[in-house]
PDB file of N, CA and C in Angstrom:
ATOM      1  N   MET A   1     -58.074 -64.582 -27.707  1.00  0.00           N
ATOM      2  CA  MET A   1     -57.425 -63.839 -26.649  1.00  0.00           C
ATOM      3  C   MET A   1     -57.565 -64.614 -25.363  1.00  0.00           C
ATOM      4  N   PRO A   2     -56.499 -64.804 -24.608  1.00  0.00           N
ATOM      5  CA  PRO A   2     -56.591 -65.529 -23.333  1.00  0.00           C
ATOM      6  C   PRO A   2     -57.489 -64.804 -22.334  1.00  0.00           C
ATOM      7  N   LEU A   3     -58.087 -65.550 -21.435  1.00  0.00           N
ATOM      8  CA  LEU A   3     -59.034 -65.023 -20.466  1.00  0.00           C
ATOM      9  C   LEU A   3     -58.317 -63.954 -19.567  1.00  0.00           C
ATOM     10  N   LYS A   4     -57.113 -64.205 -19.159  1.00  0.00           N
ATOM     11  CA  LYS A   4     -56.372 -63.260 -18.300  1.00  0.00           C
ATOM     12  C   LYS A   4     -56.193 -61.917 -19.007  1.00  0.00           C
ATOM     13  N   THR A   5     -55.854 -61.911 -20.304  1.00  0.00           N
ATOM     14  CA  THR A   5     -55.670 -60.690 -21.060  1.00  0.00           C
ATOM     15  C   THR A   5     -56.975 -59.957 -21.188  1.00  0.00           C
ATOM     16  N   TYR A   6     -58.038 -60.697 -21.439  1.00  0.00           N
ATOM     17  CA  TYR A   6     -59.375 -60.090 -21.604  1.00  0.00           C
ATOM     18  C   TYR A   6     -59.801 -59.394 -20.315  1.00  0.00           C
ATOM     19  N   ILE A   7     -59.610 -60.030 -19.176  1.00  0.00           N
ATOM     20  CA  ILE A   7     -60.003 -59.458 -17.873  1.00  0.00           C
ATOM     21  C   ILE A   7     -59.159 -58.203 -17.602  1.00  0.00           C
ATOM     22  N   MET A   8     -57.846 -58.277 -17.855  1.00  0.00           N
ATOM     23  CA  MET A   8     -56.976 -57.141 -17.623  1.00  0.00           C
ATOM     24  C   MET A   8     -57.391 -55.965 -18.508  1.00  0.00           C
ATOM     25  N   LEU A   9     -57.671 -56.195 -19.775  1.00  0.00           N
ATOM     26  CA  LEU A   9     -58.073 -55.141 -20.694  1.00  0.00           C
ATOM     27  C   LEU A   9     -59.392 -54.524 -20.262  1.00  0.00           C
ATOM     28  N   SER A  10     -60.343 -55.395 -19.796  1.00  0.00           N
ATOM     29  CA  SER A  10     -61.629 -54.917 -19.292  1.00  0.00           C
ATOM     30  C   SER A  10     -61.460 -54.004 -18.087  1.00  0.00           C
ATOM     31  N   LEU A  11     -60.568 -54.353 -17.165  1.00  0.00           N
ATOM     32  CA  LEU A  11     -60.357 -53.530 -15.976  1.00  0.00           C
ATOM     33  C   LEU A  11     -59.747 -52.184 -16.362  1.00  0.00           C
ATOM     34  N   VAL A  12     -58.793 -52.163 -17.291  1.00  0.00           N
ATOM     35  CA  VAL A  12     -58.211 -50.920 -17.729  1.00  0.00           C
ATOM     36  C   VAL A  12     -59.250 -49.998 -18.368  1.00  0.00           C
ATOM     37  N   LEU A  13     -60.086 -50.542 -19.207  1.00  0.00           N
ATOM     38  CA  LEU A  13     -61.151 -49.775 -19.867  1.00  0.00           C
ATOM     39  C   LEU A  13     -62.136 -49.241 -18.853  1.00  0.00           C
ATOM     40  N   LEU A  14     -62.541 -50.082 -17.906  1.00  0.00           N
ATOM     41  CA  LEU A  14     -63.489 -49.677 -16.866  1.00  0.00           C
ATOM     42  C   LEU A  14     -62.923 -48.535 -16.026  1.00  0.00           C
ATOM     43  N   LEU A  15     -61.643 -48.623 -15.683  1.00  0.00           N
ATOM     44  CA  LEU A  15     -60.975 -47.585 -14.922  1.00  0.00           C
ATOM     45  C   LEU A  15     -60.930 -46.272 -15.717  1.00  0.00           C
ATOM     46  N   ALA A  16     -60.616 -46.364 -16.987  1.00  0.00           N
ATOM     47  CA  ALA A  16     -60.547 -45.148 -17.849  1.00  0.00           C
ATOM     48  C   ALA A  16     -61.921 -44.507 -17.965  1.00  0.00           C
ATOM     49  N   VAL A  17     -62.972 -45.277 -18.144  1.00  0.00           N
ATOM     50  CA  VAL A  17     -64.312 -44.722 -18.227  1.00  0.00           C
ATOM     51  C   VAL A  17     -64.699 -44.089 -16.910  1.00  0.00           C
ATOM     52  N   GLY A  18     -64.429 -44.710 -15.779  1.00  0.00           N
ATOM     53  CA  GLY A  18     -64.748 -44.200 -14.462  1.00  0.00           C
ATOM     54  C   GLY A  18     -64.038 -42.894 -14.205  1.00  0.00           C
ATOM     55  N   MET A  19     -62.805 -42.738 -14.583  1.00  0.00           N
ATOM     56  CA  MET A  19     -62.049 -41.491 -14.395  1.00  0.00           C
ATOM     57  C   MET A  19     -62.611 -40.412 -15.284  1.00  0.00           C
ATOM     58  N   GLY A  20     -63.010 -40.755 -16.484  1.00  0.00           N
ATOM     59  CA  GLY A  20     -63.547 -39.756 -17.404  1.00  0.00           C
ATOM     60  C   GLY A  20     -64.910 -39.202 -16.964  1.00  0.00           C
ATOM     61  N   CYS A  21     -65.706 -40.027 -16.273  1.00  0.00           N
ATOM     62  CA  CYS A  21     -67.040 -39.592 -15.828  1.00  0.00           C
ATOM     63  C   CYS A  21     -66.939 -38.524 -14.751  1.00  0.00           C
ATOM     64  N   GLY A  22     -65.892 -38.518 -13.963  1.00  0.00           N
ATOM     65  CA  GLY A  22     -65.756 -37.561 -12.877  1.00  0.00           C
ATOM     66  C   GLY A  22     -65.114 -36.244 -13.321  1.00  0.00           C
ATOM     67  N   ALA A  23     -64.690 -36.116 -14.567  1.00  0.00           N
ATOM     68  CA  ALA A  23     -63.981 -34.948 -15.030  1.00  0.00           C
ATOM     69  C   ALA A  23     -64.813 -33.688 -15.008  1.00  0.00           C
ATOM     70  N   GLY A  24     -66.123 -33.768 -15.143  1.00  0.00           N
ATOM     71  CA  GLY A  24     -66.957 -32.594 -15.195  1.00  0.00           C
ATOM     72  C   GLY A  24     -67.521 -32.183 -13.876  1.00  0.00           C
ATOM     73  N   SER A  25     -67.233 -32.862 -12.810  1.00  0.00           N
ATOM     74  CA  SER A  25     -67.824 -32.534 -11.514  1.00  0.00           C
ATOM     75  C   SER A  25     -67.169 -31.280 -10.920  1.00  0.00           C
ATOM     76  N   SER A  26     -67.921 -30.589 -10.064  1.00  0.00           N
ATOM     77  CA  SER A  26     -67.396 -29.381  -9.424  1.00  0.00           C
ATOM     78  C   SER A  26     -66.511 -29.725  -8.245  1.00  0.00           C
ATOM     79  N   PRO A  27     -65.349 -29.085  -8.165  1.00  0.00           N
ATOM     80  CA  PRO A  27     -64.443 -29.376  -7.049  1.00  0.00           C
ATOM     81  C   PRO A  27     -64.975 -28.789  -5.730  1.00  0.00           C
ATOM     82  N   THR A  28     -64.567 -29.443  -4.640  1.00  0.00           N
ATOM     83  CA  THR A  28     -64.863 -28.860  -3.341  1.00  0.00           C
ATOM     84  C   THR A  28     -63.616 -28.184  -2.831  1.00  0.00           C
ATOM     85  N   THR A  29     -63.745 -26.949  -2.451  1.00  0.00           N
ATOM     86  CA  THR A  29     -62.610 -26.152  -1.964  1.00  0.00           C
ATOM     87  C   THR A  29     -62.929 -25.798  -0.533  1.00  0.00           C
ATOM     88  N   THR A  30     -61.991 -26.094   0.337  1.00  0.00           N
ATOM     89  CA  THR A  30     -62.188 -25.786   1.764  1.00  0.00           C
ATOM     90  C   THR A  30     -61.009 -24.994   2.297  1.00  0.00           C
ATOM     91  N   GLY A  31     -61.320 -23.844   2.876  1.00  0.00           N
ATOM     92  CA  GLY A  31     -60.297 -23.065   3.552  1.00  0.00           C
ATOM     93  C   GLY A  31     -59.367 -22.285   2.673  1.00  0.00           C
ATOM     94  N   THR A  32     -59.544 -22.358   1.374  1.00  0.00           N
ATOM     95  CA  THR A  32     -58.647 -21.582   0.488  1.00  0.00           C
ATOM     96  C   THR A  32     -59.469 -20.779  -0.503  1.00  0.00           C
ATOM     97  N   GLY A  33     -60.677 -20.485  -0.178  1.00  0.00           N
ATOM     98  CA  GLY A  33     -61.515 -19.723  -1.122  1.00  0.00           C
ATOM     99  C   GLY A  33     -62.145 -20.647  -2.112  1.00  0.00           C
ATOM    100  N   GLY A  34     -62.371 -20.153  -3.308  1.00  0.00           N
ATOM    101  CA  GLY A  34     -63.026 -20.956  -4.325  1.00  0.00           C
ATOM    102  C   GLY A  34     -62.931 -20.207  -5.660  1.00  0.00           C
ATOM    103  N   ASP A  35     -64.010 -20.054  -6.306  1.00  0.00           N
ATOM    104  CA  ASP A  35     -64.072 -19.409  -7.633  1.00  0.00           C
ATOM    105  C   ASP A  35     -63.490 -18.013  -7.616  1.00  0.00           C
ATOM    106  N   SER A  36     -62.483 -17.746  -8.423  1.00  0.00           N
ATOM    107  CA  SER A  36     -61.802 -16.445  -8.392  1.00  0.00           C
ATOM    108  C   SER A  36     -62.715 -15.326  -8.826  1.00  0.00           C
ATOM    109  N   SER A  37     -63.810 -15.569  -9.534  1.00  0.00           N
ATOM    110  CA  SER A  37     -64.689 -14.484  -9.912  1.00  0.00           C
ATOM    111  C   SER A  37     -65.510 -13.958  -8.723  1.00  0.00           C
ATOM    112  N   LEU A  38     -65.437 -14.628  -7.575  1.00  0.00           N
ATOM    113  CA  LEU A  38     -66.114 -14.183  -6.366  1.00  0.00           C
ATOM    114  C   LEU A  38     -65.208 -13.229  -5.555  1.00  0.00           C
ATOM    115  N   TYR A  39     -63.878 -13.314  -5.813  1.00  0.00           N
ATOM    116  CA  TYR A  39     -62.959 -12.477  -5.029  1.00  0.00           C
ATOM    117  C   TYR A  39     -63.248 -11.003  -5.207  1.00  0.00           C
ATOM    118  N   GLY A  40     -63.076 -10.254  -4.142  1.00  0.00           N
ATOM    119  CA  GLY A  40     -63.242  -8.794  -4.199  1.00  0.00           C
ATOM    120  C   GLY A  40     -64.355  -8.303  -3.308  1.00  0.00           C
ATOM    121  N   GLN A  41     -64.747  -7.052  -3.532  1.00  0.00           N
ATOM    122  CA  GLN A  41     -65.729  -6.384  -2.709  1.00  0.00           C
ATOM    123  C   GLN A  41     -67.101  -6.362  -3.360  1.00  0.00           C
ATOM    124  N   TRP A  42     -68.119  -6.614  -2.593  1.00  0.00           N
ATOM    125  CA  TRP A  42     -69.503  -6.636  -3.066  1.00  0.00           C
ATOM    126  C   TRP A  42     -70.314  -5.637  -2.193  1.00  0.00           C
ATOM    127  N   THR A  43     -71.257  -4.967  -2.813  1.00  0.00           N
ATOM    128  CA  THR A  43     -72.071  -3.924  -2.132  1.00  0.00           C
ATOM    129  C   THR A  43     -73.552  -4.327  -2.058  1.00  0.00           C
ATOM    130  N   LEU A  44     -74.151  -4.123  -0.871  1.00  0.00           N
ATOM    131  CA  LEU A  44     -75.518  -4.439  -0.644  1.00  0.00           C
ATOM    132  C   LEU A  44     -76.436  -3.586  -1.571  1.00  0.00           C
ATOM    133  N   VAL A  45     -77.391  -4.259  -2.253  1.00  0.00           N
ATOM    134  CA  VAL A  45     -78.375  -3.588  -3.101  1.00  0.00           C
ATOM    135  C   VAL A  45     -79.718  -3.534  -2.379  1.00  0.00           C
ATOM    136  N   SER A  46     -80.113  -4.648  -1.799  1.00  0.00           N
ATOM    137  CA  SER A  46     -81.394  -4.738  -1.076  1.00  0.00           C
ATOM    138  C   SER A  46     -81.309  -5.944  -0.104  1.00  0.00           C
ATOM    139  N   SER A  47     -82.203  -5.901   0.901  1.00  0.00           N
ATOM    140  CA  SER A  47     -82.247  -7.015   1.849  1.00  0.00           C
ATOM    141  C   SER A  47     -83.661  -7.145   2.409  1.00  0.00           C
ATOM    142  N   THR A  48     -83.951  -8.352   2.899  1.00  0.00           N
ATOM    143  CA  THR A  48     -85.203  -8.646   3.549  1.00  0.00           C
ATOM    144  C   THR A  48     -84.944  -9.410   4.852  1.00  0.00           C
ATOM    145  N   GLY A  49     -85.756  -9.190   5.839  1.00  0.00           N
ATOM    146  CA  GLY A  49     -85.706  -9.975   7.056  1.00  0.00           C
ATOM    147  C   GLY A  49     -84.623  -9.608   8.050  1.00  0.00           C
ATOM    148  N   GLY A  50     -84.082  -8.441   7.993  1.00  0.00           N
ATOM    149  CA  GLY A  50     -83.068  -8.042   8.992  1.00  0.00           C
ATOM    150  C   GLY A  50     -81.979  -7.195   8.390  1.00  0.00           C
ATOM    151  N   ALA A  51     -81.014  -6.821   9.245  1.00  0.00           N
ATOM    152  CA  ALA A  51     -79.897  -5.982   8.802  1.00  0.00           C
ATOM    153  C   ALA A  51     -78.821  -6.840   8.168  1.00  0.00           C
ATOM    154  N   TYR A  52     -78.280  -6.340   7.074  1.00  0.00           N
ATOM    155  CA  TYR A  52     -77.187  -7.003   6.376  1.00  0.00           C
ATOM    156  C   TYR A  52     -76.044  -6.022   6.195  1.00  0.00           C
ATOM    157  N   PRO A  53     -74.789  -6.489   6.169  1.00  0.00           N
ATOM    158  CA  PRO A  53     -73.662  -5.594   5.993  1.00  0.00           C
ATOM    159  C   PRO A  53     -73.712  -4.827   4.675  1.00  0.00           C
ATOM    160  N   LEU A  54     -73.194  -3.631   4.657  1.00  0.00           N
ATOM    161  CA  LEU A  54     -73.172  -2.806   3.413  1.00  0.00           C
ATOM    162  C   LEU A  54     -72.174  -3.401   2.415  1.00  0.00           C
ATOM    163  N   ARG A  55     -71.072  -3.981   2.920  1.00  0.00           N
ATOM    164  CA  ARG A  55     -70.049  -4.545   2.038  1.00  0.00           C
ATOM    165  C   ARG A  55     -69.646  -5.940   2.542  1.00  0.00           C
ATOM    166  N   VAL A  56     -69.413  -6.811   1.544  1.00  0.00           N
ATOM    167  CA  VAL A  56     -68.881  -8.140   1.826  1.00  0.00           C
ATOM    168  C   VAL A  56     -67.623  -8.249   0.946  1.00  0.00           C
ATOM    169  N   THR A  57     -66.502  -8.686   1.538  1.00  0.00           N
ATOM    170  CA  THR A  57     -65.266  -8.842   0.808  1.00  0.00           C
ATOM    171  C   THR A  57     -64.824 -10.312   0.891  1.00  0.00           C
ATOM    172  N   PHE A  58     -64.510 -10.888  -0.257  1.00  0.00           N
ATOM    173  CA  PHE A  58     -64.038 -12.253  -0.343  1.00  0.00           C
ATOM    174  C   PHE A  58     -62.547 -12.218  -0.806  1.00  0.00           C
ATOM    175  N   ASN A  59     -61.661 -12.799   0.004  1.00  0.00           N
ATOM    176  CA  ASN A  59     -60.253 -12.840  -0.353  1.00  0.00           C
ATOM    177  C   ASN A  59     -59.951 -14.242  -0.946  1.00  0.00           C
ATOM    178  N   SER A  60     -58.886 -14.283  -1.717  1.00  0.00           N
ATOM    179  CA  SER A  60     -58.524 -15.542  -2.401  1.00  0.00           C
ATOM    180  C   SER A  60     -58.039 -16.668  -1.436  1.00  0.00           C
ATOM    181  N   ASN A  61     -57.672 -16.300  -0.237  1.00  0.00           N
ATOM    182  CA  ASN A  61     -57.169 -17.300   0.728  1.00  0.00           C
ATOM    183  C   ASN A  61     -58.282 -17.911   1.572  1.00  0.00           C
ATOM    184  N   GLY A  62     -59.529 -17.680   1.271  1.00  0.00           N
ATOM    185  CA  GLY A  62     -60.635 -18.229   2.032  1.00  0.00           C
ATOM    186  C   GLY A  62     -61.058 -17.439   3.214  1.00  0.00           C
ATOM    187  N   THR A  63     -60.607 -16.189   3.308  1.00  0.00           N
ATOM    188  CA  THR A  63     -61.031 -15.296   4.394  1.00  0.00           C
ATOM    189  C   THR A  63     -61.836 -14.172   3.758  1.00  0.00           C
ATOM    190  N   GLY A  64     -62.481 -13.367   4.610  1.00  0.00           N
ATOM    191  CA  GLY A  64     -63.231 -12.233   4.109  1.00  0.00           C
ATOM    192  C   GLY A  64     -63.719 -11.386   5.285  1.00  0.00           C
ATOM    193  N   SER A  65     -64.584 -10.408   4.954  1.00  0.00           N
ATOM    194  CA  SER A  65     -65.116  -9.549   6.008  1.00  0.00           C
ATOM    195  C   SER A  65     -66.456  -8.961   5.632  1.00  0.00           C
ATOM    196  N   TYR A  66     -67.253  -8.694   6.676  1.00  0.00           N
ATOM    197  CA  TYR A  66     -68.485  -7.953   6.571  1.00  0.00           C
ATOM    198  C   TYR A  66     -68.170  -6.556   7.134  1.00  0.00           C
ATOM    199  N   THR A  67     -68.564  -5.467   6.475  1.00  0.00           N
ATOM    200  CA  THR A  67     -68.380  -4.147   7.031  1.00  0.00           C
ATOM    201  C   THR A  67     -69.592  -3.252   6.724  1.00  0.00           C
ATOM    202  N   GLY A  68     -69.774  -2.252   7.569  1.00  0.00           N
ATOM    203  CA  GLY A  68     -70.854  -1.257   7.386  1.00  0.00           C
ATOM    204  C   GLY A  68     -72.164  -1.774   7.940  1.00  0.00           C
ATOM    205  N   ASN A  69     -73.035  -0.814   8.237  1.00  0.00           N
ATOM    206  CA  ASN A  69     -74.375  -1.114   8.758  1.00  0.00           C
ATOM    207  C   ASN A  69     -74.278  -1.852  10.094  1.00  0.00           C
ATOM    208  N   GLY A  70     -73.279  -1.452  10.928  1.00  0.00           N
ATOM    209  CA  GLY A  70     -73.128  -2.056  12.222  1.00  0.00           C
ATOM    210  C   GLY A  70     -72.282  -3.363  12.236  1.00  0.00           C
ATOM    211  N   PHE A  71     -71.759  -3.758  11.119  1.00  0.00           N
ATOM    212  CA  PHE A  71     -70.942  -4.979  11.003  1.00  0.00           C
ATOM    213  C   PHE A  71     -69.492  -4.621  10.852  1.00  0.00           C
ATOM    214  N   ASN A  72     -68.647  -5.374  11.485  1.00  0.00           N
ATOM    215  CA  ASN A  72     -67.184  -5.323  11.284  1.00  0.00           C
ATOM    216  C   ASN A  72     -66.686  -6.684  11.706  1.00  0.00           C
ATOM    217  N   THR A  73     -66.865  -7.672  10.882  1.00  0.00           N
ATOM    218  CA  THR A  73     -66.648  -9.084  11.239  1.00  0.00           C
ATOM    219  C   THR A  73     -65.811  -9.758  10.173  1.00  0.00           C
ATOM    220  N   SER A  74     -64.820 -10.502  10.611  1.00  0.00           N
ATOM    221  CA  SER A  74     -64.057 -11.377   9.708  1.00  0.00           C
ATOM    222  C   SER A  74     -64.720 -12.735   9.610  1.00  0.00           C
ATOM    223  N   PHE A  75     -64.519 -13.399   8.489  1.00  0.00           N
ATOM    224  CA  PHE A  75     -65.082 -14.751   8.333  1.00  0.00           C
ATOM    225  C   PHE A  75     -64.170 -15.600   7.427  1.00  0.00           C
ATOM    226  N   ASN A  76     -64.495 -16.857   7.408  1.00  0.00           N
ATOM    227  CA  ASN A  76     -63.850 -17.814   6.500  1.00  0.00           C
ATOM    228  C   ASN A  76     -64.922 -18.265   5.509  1.00  0.00           C
ATOM    229  N   TRP A  77     -64.503 -18.577   4.298  1.00  0.00           N
ATOM    230  CA  TRP A  77     -65.479 -19.068   3.303  1.00  0.00           C
ATOM    231  C   TRP A  77     -64.882 -20.225   2.506  1.00  0.00           C
ATOM    232  N   SER A  78     -65.777 -21.061   2.028  1.00  0.00           N
ATOM    233  CA  SER A  78     -65.385 -22.192   1.176  1.00  0.00           C
ATOM    234  C   SER A  78     -66.470 -22.414   0.177  1.00  0.00           C
ATOM    235  N   GLN A  79     -66.127 -23.129  -0.891  1.00  0.00           N
ATOM    236  CA  GLN A  79     -67.070 -23.409  -1.974  1.00  0.00           C
ATOM    237  C   GLN A  79     -67.131 -24.877  -2.277  1.00  0.00           C
ATOM    238  N   SER A  80     -68.301 -25.365  -2.481  1.00  0.00           N
ATOM    239  CA  SER A  80     -68.547 -26.735  -2.911  1.00  0.00           C
ATOM    240  C   SER A  80     -69.540 -26.664  -4.040  1.00  0.00           C
ATOM    241  N   GLY A  81     -69.044 -26.834  -5.279  1.00  0.00           N
ATOM    242  CA  GLY A  81     -69.909 -26.705  -6.451  1.00  0.00           C
ATOM    243  C   GLY A  81     -70.441 -25.265  -6.533  1.00  0.00           C
ATOM    244  N   SER A  82     -71.726 -25.078  -6.551  1.00  0.00           N
ATOM    245  CA  SER A  82     -72.294 -23.738  -6.680  1.00  0.00           C
ATOM    246  C   SER A  82     -72.727 -23.156  -5.345  1.00  0.00           C
ATOM    247  N   THR A  83     -72.374 -23.802  -4.236  1.00  0.00           N
ATOM    248  CA  THR A  83     -72.706 -23.330  -2.901  1.00  0.00           C
ATOM    249  C   THR A  83     -71.473 -22.769  -2.208  1.00  0.00           C
ATOM    250  N   VAL A  84     -71.566 -21.539  -1.719  1.00  0.00           N
ATOM    251  CA  VAL A  84     -70.529 -20.891  -0.982  1.00  0.00           C
ATOM    252  C   VAL A  84     -70.995 -20.788   0.484  1.00  0.00           C
ATOM    253  N   THR A  85     -70.186 -21.261   1.392  1.00  0.00           N
ATOM    254  CA  THR A  85     -70.492 -21.249   2.832  1.00  0.00           C
ATOM    255  C   THR A  85     -69.597 -20.276   3.567  1.00  0.00           C
ATOM    256  N   ILE A  86     -70.193 -19.409   4.330  1.00  0.00           N
ATOM    257  CA  ILE A  86     -69.460 -18.435   5.136  1.00  0.00           C
ATOM    258  C   ILE A  86     -69.607 -18.858   6.591  1.00  0.00           C
ATOM    259  N   THR A  87     -68.434 -18.955   7.268  1.00  0.00           N
ATOM    260  CA  THR A  87     -68.431 -19.371   8.660  1.00  0.00           C
ATOM    261  C   THR A  87     -67.709 -18.306   9.539  1.00  0.00           C
ATOM    262  N   THR A  88     -68.214 -18.138  10.725  1.00  0.00           N
ATOM    263  CA  THR A  88     -67.534 -17.349  11.723  1.00  0.00           C
ATOM    264  C   THR A  88     -67.286 -18.270  12.871  1.00  0.00           C
ATOM    265  N   GLY A  89     -66.041 -18.558  13.158  1.00  0.00           N
ATOM    266  CA  GLY A  89     -65.715 -19.585  14.142  1.00  0.00           C
ATOM    267  C   GLY A  89     -66.163 -20.945  13.586  1.00  0.00           C
ATOM    268  N   ALA A  90     -66.898 -21.660  14.381  1.00  0.00           N
ATOM    269  CA  ALA A  90     -67.364 -22.994  13.934  1.00  0.00           C
ATOM    270  C   ALA A  90     -68.813 -22.929  13.464  1.00  0.00           C
ATOM    271  N   THR A  91     -69.392 -21.748  13.372  1.00  0.00           N
ATOM    272  CA  THR A  91     -70.810 -21.583  13.002  1.00  0.00           C
ATOM    273  C   THR A  91     -70.966 -21.101  11.578  1.00  0.00           C
ATOM    274  N   THR A  92     -71.888 -21.748  10.831  1.00  0.00           N
ATOM    275  CA  THR A  92     -72.261 -21.260   9.508  1.00  0.00           C
ATOM    276  C   THR A  92     -73.064 -20.003   9.679  1.00  0.00           C
ATOM    277  N   ALA A  93     -72.563 -18.896   9.115  1.00  0.00           N
ATOM    278  CA  ALA A  93     -73.222 -17.602   9.251  1.00  0.00           C
ATOM    279  C   ALA A  93     -74.140 -17.313   8.100  1.00  0.00           C
ATOM    280  N   ALA A  94     -73.778 -17.748   6.903  1.00  0.00           N
ATOM    281  CA  ALA A  94     -74.567 -17.476   5.693  1.00  0.00           C
ATOM    282  C   ALA A  94     -74.122 -18.345   4.572  1.00  0.00           C
ATOM    283  N   THR A  95     -74.962 -18.418   3.553  1.00  0.00           N
ATOM    284  CA  THR A  95     -74.627 -19.197   2.338  1.00  0.00           C
ATOM    285  C   THR A  95     -75.009 -18.421   1.105  1.00  0.00           C
ATOM    286  N   ILE A  96     -74.321 -18.712   0.053  1.00  0.00           N
ATOM    287  CA  ILE A  96     -74.704 -18.268  -1.295  1.00  0.00           C
ATOM    288  C   ILE A  96     -75.069 -19.534  -2.032  1.00  0.00           C
ATOM    289  N   ASN A  97     -76.297 -19.702  -2.423  1.00  0.00           N
ATOM    290  CA  ASN A  97     -76.700 -20.885  -3.172  1.00  0.00           C
ATOM    291  C   ASN A  97     -76.729 -20.537  -4.668  1.00  0.00           C
ATOM    292  N   ASN A  98     -76.420 -21.460  -5.512  1.00  0.00           N
ATOM    293  CA  ASN A  98     -76.486 -21.271  -6.978  1.00  0.00           C
ATOM    294  C   ASN A  98     -75.561 -20.192  -7.457  1.00  0.00           C
ATOM    295  N   TRP A  99     -74.339 -20.110  -6.896  1.00  0.00           N
ATOM    296  CA  TRP A  99     -73.332 -19.159  -7.373  1.00  0.00           C
ATOM    297  C   TRP A  99     -72.986 -19.511  -8.827  1.00  0.00           C
ATOM    298  N   ALA A 100     -73.017 -18.558  -9.703  1.00  0.00           N
ATOM    299  CA  ALA A 100     -72.662 -18.754 -11.091  1.00  0.00           C
ATOM    300  C   ALA A 100     -71.351 -18.036 -11.379  1.00  0.00           C
ATOM    301  N   THR A 101     -70.363 -18.778 -11.849  1.00  0.00           N
ATOM    302  CA  THR A 101     -69.058 -18.234 -12.187  1.00  0.00           C
ATOM    303  C   THR A 101     -69.199 -16.995 -13.060  1.00  0.00           C
ATOM    304  N   GLY A 102     -68.515 -15.926 -12.656  1.00  0.00           N
ATOM    305  CA  GLY A 102     -68.544 -14.706 -13.458  1.00  0.00           C
ATOM    306  C   GLY A 102     -69.727 -13.792 -13.223  1.00  0.00           C
ATOM    307  N   SER A 103     -70.604 -14.173 -12.315  1.00  0.00           N
ATOM    308  CA  SER A 103     -71.822 -13.376 -12.029  1.00  0.00           C
ATOM    309  C   SER A 103     -71.424 -12.089 -11.362  1.00  0.00           C
ATOM    310  N   ASN A 104     -72.199 -11.032 -11.574  1.00  0.00           N
ATOM    311  CA  ASN A 104     -72.026  -9.743 -10.908  1.00  0.00           C
ATOM    312  C   ASN A 104     -72.992  -9.510  -9.782  1.00  0.00           C
ATOM    313  N   THR A 105     -73.826 -10.536  -9.487  1.00  0.00           N
ATOM    314  CA  THR A 105     -74.841 -10.444  -8.431  1.00  0.00           C
ATOM    315  C   THR A 105     -74.927 -11.765  -7.714  1.00  0.00           C
ATOM    316  N   PHE A 106     -75.134 -11.728  -6.377  1.00  0.00           N
ATOM    317  CA  PHE A 106     -75.445 -12.942  -5.640  1.00  0.00           C
ATOM    318  C   PHE A 106     -76.376 -12.613  -4.492  1.00  0.00           C
ATOM    319  N   THR A 107     -77.055 -13.621  -3.972  1.00  0.00           N
ATOM    320  CA  THR A 107     -77.938 -13.468  -2.825  1.00  0.00           C
ATOM    321  C   THR A 107     -77.291 -14.172  -1.646  1.00  0.00           C
ATOM    322  N   LEU A 108     -77.081 -13.435  -0.577  1.00  0.00           N
ATOM    323  CA  LEU A 108     -76.508 -13.968   0.649  1.00  0.00           C
ATOM    324  C   LEU A 108     -77.681 -14.367   1.547  1.00  0.00           C
ATOM    325  N   ASN A 109     -77.771 -15.662   1.869  1.00  0.00           N
ATOM    326  CA  ASN A 109     -78.837 -16.206   2.670  1.00  0.00           C
ATOM    327  C   ASN A 109     -78.393 -16.379   4.105  1.00  0.00           C
ATOM    328  N   GLY A 110     -79.058 -15.647   5.019  1.00  0.00           N
ATOM    329  CA  GLY A 110     -78.724 -15.752   6.438  1.00  0.00           C
ATOM    330  C   GLY A 110     -79.844 -16.398   7.184  1.00  0.00           C
ATOM    331  N   VAL A 111     -79.735 -16.339   8.520  1.00  0.00           N
ATOM    332  CA  VAL A 111     -80.729 -16.954   9.389  1.00  0.00           C
ATOM    333  C   VAL A 111     -82.111 -16.270   9.273  1.00  0.00           C
ATOM    334  N   ASN A 112     -82.096 -14.931   9.151  1.00  0.00           N
ATOM    335  CA  ASN A 112     -83.357 -14.187   9.206  1.00  0.00           C
ATOM    336  C   ASN A 112     -83.825 -13.594   7.891  1.00  0.00           C
ATOM    337  N   GLY A 113     -83.161 -13.916   6.804  1.00  0.00           N
ATOM    338  CA  GLY A 113     -83.550 -13.332   5.525  1.00  0.00           C
ATOM    339  C   GLY A 113     -82.429 -13.462   4.512  1.00  0.00           C
ATOM    340  N   SER A 114     -82.400 -12.447   3.613  1.00  0.00           N
ATOM    341  CA  SER A 114     -81.358 -12.507   2.542  1.00  0.00           C
ATOM    342  C   SER A 114     -80.969 -11.089   2.120  1.00  0.00           C
ATOM    343  N   GLY A 115     -79.810 -10.942   1.576  1.00  0.00           N
ATOM    344  CA  GLY A 115     -79.308  -9.694   1.036  1.00  0.00           C
ATOM    345  C   GLY A 115     -78.805  -9.904  -0.377  1.00  0.00           C
ATOM    346  N   VAL A 116     -79.127  -9.013  -1.247  1.00  0.00           N
ATOM    347  CA  VAL A 116     -78.666  -9.075  -2.632  1.00  0.00           C
ATOM    348  C   VAL A 116     -77.460  -8.142  -2.790  1.00  0.00           C
ATOM    349  N   TYR A 117     -76.389  -8.660  -3.370  1.00  0.00           N
ATOM    350  CA  TYR A 117     -75.135  -7.876  -3.523  1.00  0.00           C
ATOM    351  C   TYR A 117     -74.704  -7.828  -4.966  1.00  0.00           C
ATOM    352  N   ASN A 118     -74.143  -6.694  -5.336  1.00  0.00           N
ATOM    353  CA  ASN A 118     -73.558  -6.487  -6.684  1.00  0.00           C
ATOM    354  C   ASN A 118     -72.059  -6.250  -6.505  1.00  0.00           C
ATOM    355  N   ARG A 119     -71.306  -6.605  -7.522  1.00  0.00           N
ATOM    356  CA  ARG A 119     -69.851  -6.375  -7.523  1.00  0.00           C
ATOM    357  C   ARG A 119     -69.554  -4.913  -7.415  1.00  0.00           C
ATOM    358  N   GLY A 120     -68.546  -4.592  -6.598  1.00  0.00           N
ATOM    359  CA  GLY A 120     -68.057  -3.207  -6.508  1.00  0.00           C
ATOM    360  C   GLY A 120     -68.539  -2.452  -5.291  1.00  0.00           C
TER     361      GLY A 120
END
């Protein structure tokens, strides 16, 4: 096999392997929401370190709201892998770490503590 053909075949194989390795990685979603199993309303079960909203709602378009317990705030949210980031304006307000697709519970981590939420 001529050297030129060998090099070209090697490059094609290397490119194919490189594209295949990235297939299992988690996508980064910004401004349009993320995992559809997170969409909907979530209710506070327990909290530590401060007041947390009674309900958190995630919309499919990357927006949402905190309501109840003195809260009535709109926010934007995005997902990168298993981390969900909630922002109000340009400030990160809270995060959900280790979000598991299809889960019925998550922990919202804020500046002063955390709140545990269940679907519904």
